Amino acid sequence: MKTLIVIAIAVIIIVVGIICAMLILGDENITSPFDGVSNTDERTMDEDFESDEKESSLNSP
């Protein structure tokens, strides 16, 4: 019985830690952490890099 309580507490701590990490990083929308699609308007680093590459290729002679 004690092992079940310890496991339950560990799972709760892990879940709270993941949620806090997501809040701090701000990459995921907390209301839907499992769809894998963030509903924010922020661009990811890859999207930023791709758009910068497109802009620089347009500006090159």
PDB file of N, CA and C in Angstrom:
ATOM      1  N   MET A   1       0.830  -1.214   0.000  1.00  0.00           N
ATOM      2  CA  MET A   1       0.000   0.000   0.000  1.00  0.00           C
ATOM      3  C   MET A   1       0.863   1.262   0.000  1.00  0.00           C
ATOM      4  N   LYS A   2       1.968   1.225   0.760  1.00  0.00           N
ATOM      5  CA  LYS A   2       2.847   2.394   0.796  1.00  0.00           C
ATOM      6  C   LYS A   2       3.473   2.648  -0.570  1.00  0.00           C
ATOM      7  N   THR A   3       3.804   1.574  -1.286  1.00  0.00           N
ATOM      8  CA  THR A   3       4.431   1.771  -2.605  1.00  0.00           C
ATOM      9  C   THR A   3       3.465   2.453  -3.570  1.00  0.00           C
ATOM     10  N   LEU A   4       2.176   2.106  -3.500  1.00  0.00           N
ATOM     11  CA  LEU A   4       1.184   2.759  -4.363  1.00  0.00           C
ATOM     12  C   LEU A   4       1.107   4.254  -4.075  1.00  0.00           C
ATOM     13  N   ILE A   5       1.141   4.614  -2.800  1.00  0.00           N
ATOM     14  CA  ILE A   5       1.082   6.033  -2.423  1.00  0.00           C
ATOM     15  C   ILE A   5       2.320   6.760  -2.938  1.00  0.00           C
ATOM     16  N   VAL A   6       3.481   6.137  -2.784  1.00  0.00           N
ATOM     17  CA  VAL A   6       4.727   6.753  -3.251  1.00  0.00           C
ATOM     18  C   VAL A   6       4.694   6.933  -4.767  1.00  0.00           C
ATOM     19  N   ILE A   7       4.224   5.919  -5.488  1.00  0.00           N
ATOM     20  CA  ILE A   7       4.134   6.010  -6.955  1.00  0.00           C
ATOM     21  C   ILE A   7       3.155   7.120  -7.352  1.00  0.00           C
ATOM     22  N   ALA A   8       2.009   7.196  -6.670  1.00  0.00           N
ATOM     23  CA  ALA A   8       1.017   8.232  -6.984  1.00  0.00           C
ATOM     24  C   ALA A   8       1.597   9.626  -6.769  1.00  0.00           C
ATOM     25  N   ILE A   9       2.306   9.818  -5.663  1.00  0.00           N
ATOM     26  CA  ILE A   9       2.924  11.121  -5.389  1.00  0.00           C
ATOM     27  C   ILE A   9       3.964  11.449  -6.455  1.00  0.00           C
ATOM     28  N   ALA A  10       4.766  10.457  -6.850  1.00  0.00           N
ATOM     29  CA  ALA A  10       5.788  10.682  -7.876  1.00  0.00           C
ATOM     30  C   ALA A  10       5.145  11.093  -9.200  1.00  0.00           C
ATOM     31  N   VAL A  11       4.059  10.432  -9.580  1.00  0.00           N
ATOM     32  CA  VAL A  11       3.368  10.768 -10.833  1.00  0.00           C
ATOM     33  C   VAL A  11       2.828  12.194 -10.776  1.00  0.00           C
ATOM     34  N   ILE A  12       2.244  12.569  -9.645  1.00  0.00           N
ATOM     35  CA  ILE A  12       1.709  13.928  -9.493  1.00  0.00           C
ATOM     36  C   ILE A  12       2.831  14.954  -9.630  1.00  0.00           C
ATOM     37  N   ILE A  13       3.970  14.694  -8.989  1.00  0.00           N
ATOM     38  CA  ILE A  13       5.102  15.625  -9.069  1.00  0.00           C
ATOM     39  C   ILE A  13       5.589  15.750 -10.510  1.00  0.00           C
ATOM     40  N   ILE A  14       5.671  14.631 -11.225  1.00  0.00           N
ATOM     41  CA  ILE A  14       6.129  14.660 -12.622  1.00  0.00           C
ATOM     42  C   ILE A  14       5.165  15.470 -13.485  1.00  0.00           C
ATOM     43  N   VAL A  15       3.859  15.240 -13.324  1.00  0.00           N
ATOM     44  CA  VAL A  15       2.862  15.962 -14.127  1.00  0.00           C
ATOM     45  C   VAL A  15       2.932  17.462 -13.844  1.00  0.00           C
ATOM     46  N   VAL A  16       3.015  17.836 -12.569  1.00  0.00           N
ATOM     47  CA  VAL A  16       3.106  19.254 -12.210  1.00  0.00           C
ATOM     48  C   VAL A  16       4.384  19.859 -12.785  1.00  0.00           C
ATOM     49  N   GLY A  17       5.475  19.110 -12.742  1.00  0.00           N
ATOM     50  CA  GLY A  17       6.735  19.596 -13.306  1.00  0.00           C
ATOM     51  C   GLY A  17       6.638  19.827 -14.803  1.00  0.00           C
ATOM     52  N   ILE A  18       5.990  18.920 -15.513  1.00  0.00           N
ATOM     53  CA  ILE A  18       5.828  19.077 -16.968  1.00  0.00           C
ATOM     54  C   ILE A  18       4.975  20.310 -17.269  1.00  0.00           C
ATOM     55  N   ILE A  19       3.890  20.490 -16.533  1.00  0.00           N
ATOM     56  CA  ILE A  19       3.018  21.646 -16.762  1.00  0.00           C
ATOM     57  C   ILE A  19       3.770  22.944 -16.483  1.00  0.00           C
ATOM     58  N   CYS A  20       4.547  22.972 -15.404  1.00  0.00           N
ATOM     59  CA  CYS A  20       5.332  24.174 -15.090  1.00  0.00           C
ATOM     60  C   CYS A  20       6.354  24.449 -16.186  1.00  0.00           C
ATOM     61  N   ALA A  21       7.011  23.409 -16.679  1.00  0.00           N
ATOM     62  CA  ALA A  21       7.994  23.589 -17.752  1.00  0.00           C
ATOM     63  C   ALA A  21       7.321  24.142 -19.004  1.00  0.00           C
ATOM     64  N   MET A  22       6.131  23.650 -19.310  1.00  0.00           N
ATOM     65  CA  MET A  22       5.411  24.138 -20.489  1.00  0.00           C
ATOM     66  C   MET A  22       5.010  25.596 -20.304  1.00  0.00           C
ATOM     67  N   LEU A  23       4.603  25.962 -19.084  1.00  0.00           N
ATOM     68  CA  LEU A  23       4.243  27.356 -18.819  1.00  0.00           C
ATOM     69  C   LEU A  23       5.459  28.263 -18.978  1.00  0.00           C
ATOM     70  N   ILE A  24       6.607  27.808 -18.455  1.00  0.00           N
ATOM     71  CA  ILE A  24       7.823  28.626 -18.509  1.00  0.00           C
ATOM     72  C   ILE A  24       8.299  28.773 -19.952  1.00  0.00           C
ATOM     73  N   LEU A  25       8.316  27.680 -20.689  1.00  0.00           N
ATOM     74  CA  LEU A  25       8.812  27.739 -22.064  1.00  0.00           C
ATOM     75  C   LEU A  25       7.808  28.412 -22.988  1.00  0.00           C
ATOM     76  N   GLY A  26       6.532  28.253 -22.708  1.00  0.00           N
ATOM     77  CA  GLY A  26       5.494  28.899 -23.500  1.00  0.00           C
ATOM     78  C   GLY A  26       5.363  28.348 -24.905  1.00  0.00           C
ATOM     79  N   ASP A  27       5.833  27.131 -25.140  1.00  0.00           N
ATOM     80  CA  ASP A  27       5.765  26.562 -26.488  1.00  0.00           C
ATOM     81  C   ASP A  27       4.416  25.920 -26.772  1.00  0.00           C
ATOM     82  N   GLU A  28       3.781  25.426 -25.729  1.00  0.00           N
ATOM     83  CA  GLU A  28       2.528  24.700 -25.919  1.00  0.00           C
ATOM     84  C   GLU A  28       1.371  25.491 -25.323  1.00  0.00           C
ATOM     85  N   ASN A  29       0.196  25.270 -25.856  1.00  0.00           N
ATOM     86  CA  ASN A  29      -1.012  25.832 -25.260  1.00  0.00           C
ATOM     87  C   ASN A  29      -1.444  24.877 -24.148  1.00  0.00           C
ATOM     88  N   ILE A  30      -1.507  25.355 -22.920  1.00  0.00           N
ATOM     89  CA  ILE A  30      -1.745  24.489 -21.767  1.00  0.00           C
ATOM     90  C   ILE A  30      -3.117  23.814 -21.845  1.00  0.00           C
ATOM     91  N   THR A  31      -4.107  24.469 -22.466  1.00  0.00           N
ATOM     92  CA  THR A  31      -5.443  23.881 -22.502  1.00  0.00           C
ATOM     93  C   THR A  31      -5.475  22.621 -23.358  1.00  0.00           C
ATOM     94  N   SER A  32      -4.542  22.484 -24.301  1.00  0.00           N
ATOM     95  CA  SER A  32      -4.520  21.292 -25.146  1.00  0.00           C
ATOM     96  C   SER A  32      -3.082  20.802 -25.327  1.00  0.00           C
ATOM     97  N   PRO A  33      -2.487  20.273 -24.251  1.00  0.00           N
ATOM     98  CA  PRO A  33      -1.073  19.889 -24.339  1.00  0.00           C
ATOM     99  C   PRO A  33      -0.831  18.654 -25.194  1.00  0.00           C
ATOM    100  N   PHE A  34      -1.886  17.916 -25.536  1.00  0.00           N
ATOM    101  CA  PHE A  34      -1.660  16.649 -26.230  1.00  0.00           C
ATOM    102  C   PHE A  34      -1.987  16.706 -27.714  1.00  0.00           C
ATOM    103  N   ASP A  35      -2.486  17.866 -28.238  1.00  0.00           N
ATOM    104  CA  ASP A  35      -2.720  17.848 -29.665  1.00  0.00           C
ATOM    105  C   ASP A  35      -1.473  18.112 -30.467  1.00  0.00           C
ATOM    106  N   GLY A  36      -0.460  18.663 -29.843  1.00  0.00           N
ATOM    107  CA  GLY A  36       0.795  18.888 -30.555  1.00  0.00           C
ATOM    108  C   GLY A  36       0.774  20.130 -31.417  1.00  0.00           C
ATOM    109  N   VAL A  37      -0.352  20.857 -31.395  1.00  0.00           N
ATOM    110  CA  VAL A  37      -0.454  22.082 -32.187  1.00  0.00           C
ATOM    111  C   VAL A  37      -0.678  23.231 -31.222  1.00  0.00           C
ATOM    112  N   SER A  38       0.224  24.190 -31.233  1.00  0.00           N
ATOM    113  CA  SER A  38       0.053  25.338 -30.348  1.00  0.00           C
ATOM    114  C   SER A  38      -0.858  26.352 -31.021  1.00  0.00           C
ATOM    115  N   ASN A  39      -1.729  26.944 -30.236  1.00  0.00           N
ATOM    116  CA  ASN A  39      -2.677  27.911 -30.781  1.00  0.00           C
ATOM    117  C   ASN A  39      -2.167  29.344 -30.650  1.00  0.00           C
ATOM    118  N   THR A  40      -0.886  29.499 -30.350  1.00  0.00           N
ATOM    119  CA  THR A  40      -0.331  30.842 -30.212  1.00  0.00           C
ATOM    120  C   THR A  40       0.092  31.360 -31.573  1.00  0.00           C
ATOM    121  N   ASP A  41       0.286  32.667 -31.641  1.00  0.00           N
ATOM    122  CA  ASP A  41       0.702  33.286 -32.897  1.00  0.00           C
ATOM    123  C   ASP A  41       2.222  33.290 -33.050  1.00  0.00           C
ATOM    124  N   GLU A  42       2.928  32.802 -32.041  1.00  0.00           N
ATOM    125  CA  GLU A  42       4.384  32.822 -32.100  1.00  0.00           C
ATOM    126  C   GLU A  42       4.887  31.794 -33.108  1.00  0.00           C
ATOM    127  N   ARG A  43       5.931  32.187 -33.843  1.00  0.00           N
ATOM    128  CA  ARG A  43       6.538  31.266 -34.801  1.00  0.00           C
ATOM    129  C   ARG A  43       7.628  30.465 -34.100  1.00  0.00           C
ATOM    130  N   THR A  44       7.804  29.242 -34.532  1.00  0.00           N
ATOM    131  CA  THR A  44       8.877  28.433 -33.973  1.00  0.00           C
ATOM    132  C   THR A  44      10.203  28.873 -34.570  1.00  0.00           C
ATOM    133  N   MET A  45      11.298  28.371 -33.997  1.00  0.00           N
ATOM    134  CA  MET A  45      12.627  28.750 -34.484  1.00  0.00           C
ATOM    135  C   MET A  45      12.791  28.320 -35.940  1.00  0.00           C
ATOM    136  N   ASP A  46      12.278  27.142 -36.299  1.00  0.00           N
ATOM    137  CA  ASP A  46      12.413  26.654 -37.675  1.00  0.00           C
ATOM    138  C   ASP A  46      11.676  27.574 -38.646  1.00  0.00           C
ATOM    139  N   GLU A  47      10.452  27.965 -38.277  1.00  0.00           N
ATOM    140  CA  GLU A  47       9.688  28.849 -39.157  1.00  0.00           C
ATOM    141  C   GLU A  47      10.387  30.192 -39.306  1.00  0.00           C
ATOM    142  N   ASP A  48      10.947  30.696 -38.206  1.00  0.00           N
ATOM    143  CA  ASP A  48      11.699  31.952 -38.267  1.00  0.00           C
ATOM    144  C   ASP A  48      12.862  31.822 -39.228  1.00  0.00           C
ATOM    145  N   PHE A  49      13.596  30.718 -39.119  1.00  0.00           N
ATOM    146  CA  PHE A  49      14.784  30.515 -39.947  1.00  0.00           C
ATOM    147  C   PHE A  49      14.392  30.419 -41.414  1.00  0.00           C
ATOM    148  N   GLU A  50      13.324  29.663 -41.700  1.00  0.00           N
ATOM    149  CA  GLU A  50      12.883  29.507 -43.091  1.00  0.00           C
ATOM    150  C   GLU A  50      12.462  30.851 -43.682  1.00  0.00           C
ATOM    151  N   SER A  51      11.704  31.635 -42.928  1.00  0.00           N
ATOM    152  CA  SER A  51      11.243  32.917 -43.463  1.00  0.00           C
ATOM    153  C   SER A  51      12.420  33.870 -43.639  1.00  0.00           C
ATOM    154  N   ASP A  52      13.410  33.803 -42.736  1.00  0.00           N
ATOM    155  CA  ASP A  52      14.600  34.644 -42.894  1.00  0.00           C
ATOM    156  C   ASP A  52      15.374  34.238 -44.140  1.00  0.00           C
ATOM    157  N   GLU A  53      15.455  32.931 -44.399  1.00  0.00           N
ATOM    158  CA  GLU A  53      16.156  32.462 -45.603  1.00  0.00           C
ATOM    159  C   GLU A  53      15.451  32.971 -46.856  1.00  0.00           C
ATOM    160  N   LYS A  54      14.121  32.902 -46.871  1.00  0.00           N
ATOM    161  CA  LYS A  54      13.359  33.373 -48.031  1.00  0.00           C
ATOM    162  C   LYS A  54      13.596  34.866 -48.254  1.00  0.00           C
ATOM    163  N   GLU A  55      13.566  35.639 -47.166  1.00  0.00           N
ATOM    164  CA  GLU A  55      13.777  37.080 -47.289  1.00  0.00           C
ATOM    165  C   GLU A  55      15.173  37.386 -47.805  1.00  0.00           C
ATOM    166  N   SER A  56      16.180  36.680 -47.299  1.00  0.00           N
ATOM    167  CA  SER A  56      17.547  36.972 -47.727  1.00  0.00           C
ATOM    168  C   SER A  56      17.757  36.546 -49.183  1.00  0.00           C
ATOM    169  N   SER A  57      17.089  35.479 -49.625  1.00  0.00           N
ATOM    170  CA  SER A  57      17.245  35.069 -51.022  1.00  0.00           C
ATOM    171  C   SER A  57      16.528  36.051 -51.949  1.00  0.00           C
ATOM    172  N   LEU A  58      15.452  36.674 -51.465  1.00  0.00           N
ATOM    173  CA  LEU A  58      14.758  37.679 -52.274  1.00  0.00           C
ATOM    174  C   LEU A  58      15.594  38.952 -52.404  1.00  0.00           C
ATOM    175  N   ASN A  59      16.325  39.278 -51.346  1.00  0.00           N
ATOM    176  CA  ASN A  59      17.102  40.515 -51.349  1.00  0.00           C
ATOM    177  C   ASN A  59      18.433  40.372 -52.072  1.00  0.00           C
ATOM    178  N   SER A  60      18.878  39.153 -52.312  1.00  0.00           N
ATOM    179  CA  SER A  60      20.183  38.990 -52.961  1.00  0.00           C
ATOM    180  C   SER A  60      20.056  39.289 -54.455  1.00  0.00           C
ATOM    181  N   PRO A  61      21.055  39.919 -55.034  1.00  0.00           N
ATOM    182  CA  PRO A  61      20.983  40.294 -56.463  1.00  0.00           C
ATOM    183  C   PRO A  61      21.048  39.094 -57.391  1.00  0.00           C
TER     184      PRO A  61
END
